[in-house]
Amino acid sequence: MSLSVIGSGFPRTGTLSLKLALNQLGFGPCFHATELLTHPDRLPLWIQAGDGNADWEAVFGGYHATVDAPGCYFWRELAERYPDAKVLHSVRDPESWFDSTQATVFGPNSPAMKPPPPAKPFFDMLARRRGQLSLQNRDEMLAWFERHTDEVRATIPARRLLVFEVREGWAPLCAFLGVPVPGTPFPRVNARAKLAELMAQLRSPDAATDVDQMREGFDRITNPRSPGD
């Protein structure tokens, strides 16, 4: 299955709002890191991709778009593999992005800091894709964030790229994708507190492995509120 939209923006740049927006616009289903909570069978495929032996058709089987991790760490490969896909690069204020990552995906309660044993090969792969980074070092992370946007801009032709903040709403996104603006509000998800809680649960020794419980955790972080957090 061919991807039509490739999200190159890092986690915590409004990617969950973008997932919901792309689904609403007809570009879904959209793959987002939260999909791995309910489809852990995809983890070995991502590890394989990290080893340089990707089967993208299997990774994205059933999906038409991707945002957030792990896809954002493979943006170069995906842009080359799907040359007709548009690249959507989500950004936000770098300082607020760093603060948000520390409360959630890269904070002390994140599985990225101490992965549960079954998921360790996957998180090790993500660490290799990110490179040698101190995830809680503000200056280092801000430099990485800015460098990433510069690299995307330098690599992807302007006609194929939209650098986007979710606070901009429907208009630039719909113009870029060539679709009408919906008559409903742009989906705005503020998930910081709830996502932090879920990260702590996933890290705990008795972390839930039941798919239904994982889905309930995901559902708790998808209440439309304010963007990007």
Protein backbone atom coordinates (compact mmCIF):
# COMPACT_ATOMS: atom_id res chain seq x y z
CA MET A 1 0.00 0.00 0.00
CA SER A 2 1.38 3.42 -0.96
CA LEU A 3 1.70 6.28 1.50
CA SER A 4 0.27 9.60 0.39
CA VAL A 5 1.47 11.69 3.37
CA ILE A 6 4.77 11.31 5.25
CA GLY A 7 5.09 13.13 8.56
CA SER A 8 8.68 14.14 9.29
CA GLY A 9 7.97 16.15 12.44
CA PHE A 10 9.14 14.89 15.81
CA PRO A 11 6.80 13.61 18.54
CA ARG A 12 5.16 16.35 20.64
CA THR A 13 4.65 18.69 17.67
CA GLY A 14 0.89 18.19 17.48
CA THR A 15 1.21 14.87 15.69
CA LEU A 16 -1.81 13.31 17.38
CA SER A 17 -3.94 16.22 16.20
CA LEU A 18 -2.49 15.70 12.71
CA LYS A 19 -3.32 12.01 12.79
CA LEU A 20 -6.95 12.83 13.53
CA ALA A 21 -6.98 15.62 10.92
CA LEU A 22 -5.55 13.40 8.17
CA ASN A 23 -8.05 10.68 8.99
CA GLN A 24 -10.87 13.22 8.75
CA LEU A 25 -9.60 14.55 5.41
CA GLY A 26 -9.58 11.08 3.86
CA PHE A 27 -5.84 10.42 4.03
CA GLY A 28 -6.12 7.76 6.71
CA PRO A 29 -5.77 5.47 8.33
CA CYS A 30 -2.74 7.35 9.60
CA PHE A 31 0.04 5.54 11.45
CA HIS A 32 1.16 7.17 14.71
CA ALA A 33 3.21 5.83 17.62
CA THR A 34 -0.01 5.13 19.51
CA GLU A 35 -0.85 2.49 16.88
CA LEU A 36 1.88 0.32 18.40
CA LEU A 37 -0.06 0.13 21.67
CA THR A 38 -2.79 -1.84 19.95
CA HIS A 39 -0.74 -3.38 17.14
CA PRO A 40 2.44 -4.62 18.85
CA ASP A 41 2.85 -7.12 16.00
CA ARG A 42 4.35 -4.21 14.00
CA LEU A 43 7.28 -3.83 16.40
CA PRO A 44 9.47 -6.51 14.73
CA LEU A 45 8.85 -4.88 11.35
CA TRP A 46 10.13 -1.54 12.66
CA ILE A 47 13.17 -3.20 14.21
CA GLN A 48 13.84 -4.82 10.85
CA ALA A 49 13.55 -1.41 9.18
CA GLY A 50 16.04 0.01 11.68
CA ASP A 51 18.46 -2.74 10.70
CA GLY A 52 18.30 -1.56 7.09
CA ASN A 53 16.01 -4.28 5.80
CA ALA A 54 12.65 -2.52 5.68
CA ASP A 55 9.52 -4.04 4.24
CA TRP A 56 7.53 -0.82 4.06
CA GLU A 57 4.49 -2.47 2.51
CA ALA A 58 4.26 -4.72 5.57
CA VAL A 59 5.05 -1.92 8.02
CA PHE A 60 2.29 0.30 6.63
CA GLY A 61 -0.16 -2.37 5.50
CA GLY A 62 -3.62 -0.85 5.83
CA TYR A 63 -2.32 2.72 6.28
CA HIS A 64 -2.14 5.66 3.85
CA ALA A 65 -0.22 8.18 5.96
CA THR A 66 2.24 8.34 8.84
CA VAL A 67 3.08 10.98 11.45
CA ASP A 68 5.09 10.93 14.68
CA ALA A 69 7.56 8.20 15.62
CA PRO A 70 8.76 5.79 14.44
CA GLY A 71 8.04 7.08 10.91
CA CYS A 72 9.55 10.53 11.48
CA TYR A 73 12.97 8.92 12.06
CA PHE A 74 12.77 7.28 8.62
CA TRP A 75 11.62 10.31 6.66
CA ARG A 76 14.47 10.18 4.14
CA GLU A 77 13.88 6.52 3.28
CA LEU A 78 10.13 7.00 3.09
CA ALA A 79 10.35 10.10 0.90
CA GLU A 80 12.53 8.13 -1.51
CA ARG A 81 10.38 5.00 -1.39
CA TYR A 82 7.15 6.95 -2.00
CA PRO A 83 8.15 9.77 -4.38
CA ASP A 84 4.55 10.88 -4.96
CA ALA A 85 3.84 11.30 -1.24
CA LYS A 86 3.74 14.76 0.27
CA VAL A 87 5.93 15.50 3.29
CA LEU A 88 4.27 17.17 6.25
CA HIS A 89 6.78 18.60 8.72
CA SER A 90 5.11 19.55 11.99
CA VAL A 91 6.89 22.06 14.24
CA ARG A 92 6.22 24.19 17.31
CA ASP A 93 8.11 26.60 19.54
CA PRO A 94 11.32 24.66 20.34
CA GLU A 95 11.39 25.60 24.02
CA SER A 96 7.82 24.47 24.60
CA TRP A 97 8.53 21.33 22.57
CA PHE A 98 11.42 20.43 24.86
CA ASP A 99 9.33 21.01 27.98
CA SER A 100 6.59 18.80 26.57
CA THR A 101 9.00 15.98 25.74
CA GLN A 102 10.34 16.03 29.29
CA ALA A 103 6.85 15.62 30.71
CA THR A 104 6.10 12.72 28.36
CA VAL A 105 8.06 10.79 25.74
CA PHE A 106 11.63 11.62 26.86
CA GLY A 107 11.00 12.31 30.54
CA PRO A 108 12.03 10.18 33.53
CA ASN A 109 8.87 8.04 33.36
CA SER A 110 9.18 7.36 29.63
CA PRO A 111 9.88 3.83 28.39
CA ALA A 112 12.66 5.45 26.36
CA MET A 113 14.59 5.81 29.61
CA LYS A 114 14.16 2.23 30.79
CA PRO A 115 12.24 0.11 28.26
CA PRO A 116 10.21 -2.89 29.41
CA PRO A 117 12.22 -6.01 28.43
CA PRO A 118 9.91 -7.12 25.56
CA ALA A 119 10.11 -3.66 23.96
CA LYS A 120 13.83 -3.03 24.55
CA PRO A 121 14.97 -3.99 20.99
CA PHE A 122 12.46 -1.50 19.58
CA PHE A 123 13.56 1.35 21.85
CA ASP A 124 17.20 0.51 21.17
CA MET A 125 16.44 0.87 17.46
CA LEU A 126 14.84 4.29 18.04
CA ALA A 127 17.90 5.38 20.01
CA ARG A 128 20.15 4.39 17.12
CA ARG A 129 18.00 6.35 14.68
CA ARG A 130 18.17 9.45 16.89
CA GLY A 131 21.94 9.19 17.26
CA GLN A 132 24.02 10.06 20.30
CA LEU A 133 21.65 12.32 22.20
CA SER A 134 21.18 13.20 25.86
CA LEU A 135 17.39 13.26 25.78
CA GLN A 136 17.12 15.46 28.88
CA ASN A 137 19.78 17.99 27.89
CA ARG A 138 17.94 21.14 26.82
CA ASP A 139 20.66 22.68 24.62
CA GLU A 140 21.42 19.41 22.87
CA MET A 141 17.77 18.65 22.21
CA LEU A 142 16.98 22.15 20.94
CA ALA A 143 19.92 21.96 18.53
CA TRP A 144 18.68 18.55 17.32
CA PHE A 145 15.17 19.93 16.81
CA GLU A 146 16.37 22.89 14.75
CA ARG A 147 18.86 20.79 12.77
CA HIS A 148 16.13 18.32 11.86
CA THR A 149 13.92 21.02 10.34
CA ASP A 150 16.89 22.45 8.43
CA GLU A 151 17.69 19.00 7.00
CA VAL A 152 14.10 18.39 5.92
CA ARG A 153 13.92 21.81 4.23
CA ALA A 154 17.23 21.22 2.46
CA THR A 155 16.24 17.77 1.22
CA ILE A 156 12.56 17.90 0.25
CA PRO A 157 11.56 20.16 -2.69
CA ALA A 158 9.37 23.07 -1.62
CA ARG A 159 6.51 21.92 -3.87
CA ARG A 160 6.38 18.66 -1.92
CA LEU A 161 6.81 20.04 1.61
CA LEU A 162 4.65 21.82 4.17
CA VAL A 163 6.22 23.05 7.41
CA PHE A 164 3.18 23.28 9.64
CA GLU A 165 2.09 24.26 13.14
CA VAL A 166 -1.20 22.78 14.25
CA ARG A 167 -2.30 26.17 15.60
CA GLU A 168 -2.56 27.26 11.93
CA GLY A 169 -5.61 25.04 11.53
CA TRP A 170 -7.18 23.64 8.40
CA ALA A 171 -6.39 26.26 5.76
CA PRO A 172 -2.68 25.64 4.98
CA LEU A 173 -3.02 21.89 5.46
CA CYS A 174 -5.99 21.57 3.11
CA ALA A 175 -4.39 23.85 0.51
CA PHE A 176 -1.25 21.70 0.59
CA LEU A 177 -3.21 18.47 0.24
CA GLY A 178 -5.62 19.88 -2.36
CA VAL A 179 -8.83 19.20 -0.44
CA PRO A 180 -11.70 21.41 0.77
CA VAL A 181 -11.62 22.89 4.25
CA PRO A 182 -14.03 20.96 6.50
CA GLY A 183 -16.89 22.74 8.21
CA THR A 184 -15.84 21.31 11.57
CA PRO A 185 -13.11 22.59 13.93
CA PHE A 186 -9.55 21.35 13.52
CA PRO A 187 -8.97 18.48 15.98
CA ARG A 188 -6.92 19.79 18.87
CA VAL A 189 -5.52 17.30 21.33
CA ASN A 190 -3.82 18.32 24.56
CA ALA A 191 -2.47 15.04 25.87
CA ARG A 192 0.50 15.94 28.05
CA ALA A 193 -0.78 14.91 31.48
CA LYS A 194 -2.61 11.83 30.25
CA LEU A 195 0.28 10.72 28.06
CA ALA A 196 2.70 11.12 30.96
CA GLU A 197 0.45 8.87 33.04
CA LEU A 198 0.36 6.27 30.28
CA MET A 199 4.16 6.39 29.90
CA ALA A 200 4.55 5.68 33.61
CA GLN A 201 2.16 2.73 33.36
CA LEU A 202 4.05 1.26 30.41
CA ARG A 203 7.34 1.52 32.31
CA SER A 204 6.08 -0.18 35.47
CA PRO A 205 7.00 -3.84 36.10
CA ASP A 206 3.34 -4.84 36.00
CA ALA A 207 2.58 -2.83 32.84
CA ALA A 208 -0.61 -3.92 31.12
CA THR A 209 -0.10 -6.10 28.07
CA ASP A 210 -3.76 -6.64 27.31
CA VAL A 211 -4.71 -4.95 24.04
CA ASP A 212 -8.04 -3.70 25.40
CA GLN A 213 -6.26 -2.02 28.33
CA MET A 214 -3.76 -0.47 25.94
CA ARG A 215 -6.62 0.86 23.83
CA GLU A 216 -8.26 2.36 26.90
CA GLY A 217 -4.99 4.13 27.69
CA PHE A 218 -4.86 5.53 24.17
CA ASP A 219 -8.50 6.63 24.34
CA ARG A 220 -7.72 8.65 27.46
CA ILE A 221 -5.25 10.84 25.54
CA THR A 222 -7.44 11.67 22.54
CA ASN A 223 -9.87 14.17 24.01
CA PRO A 224 -9.90 17.25 21.70
CA ARG A 225 -8.57 20.28 23.58
CA SER A 226 -5.69 22.65 22.81
CA PRO A 227 -3.00 22.03 20.16
CA GLY A 228 0.50 20.74 20.33
CA ASP A 229 1.03 20.14 24.05
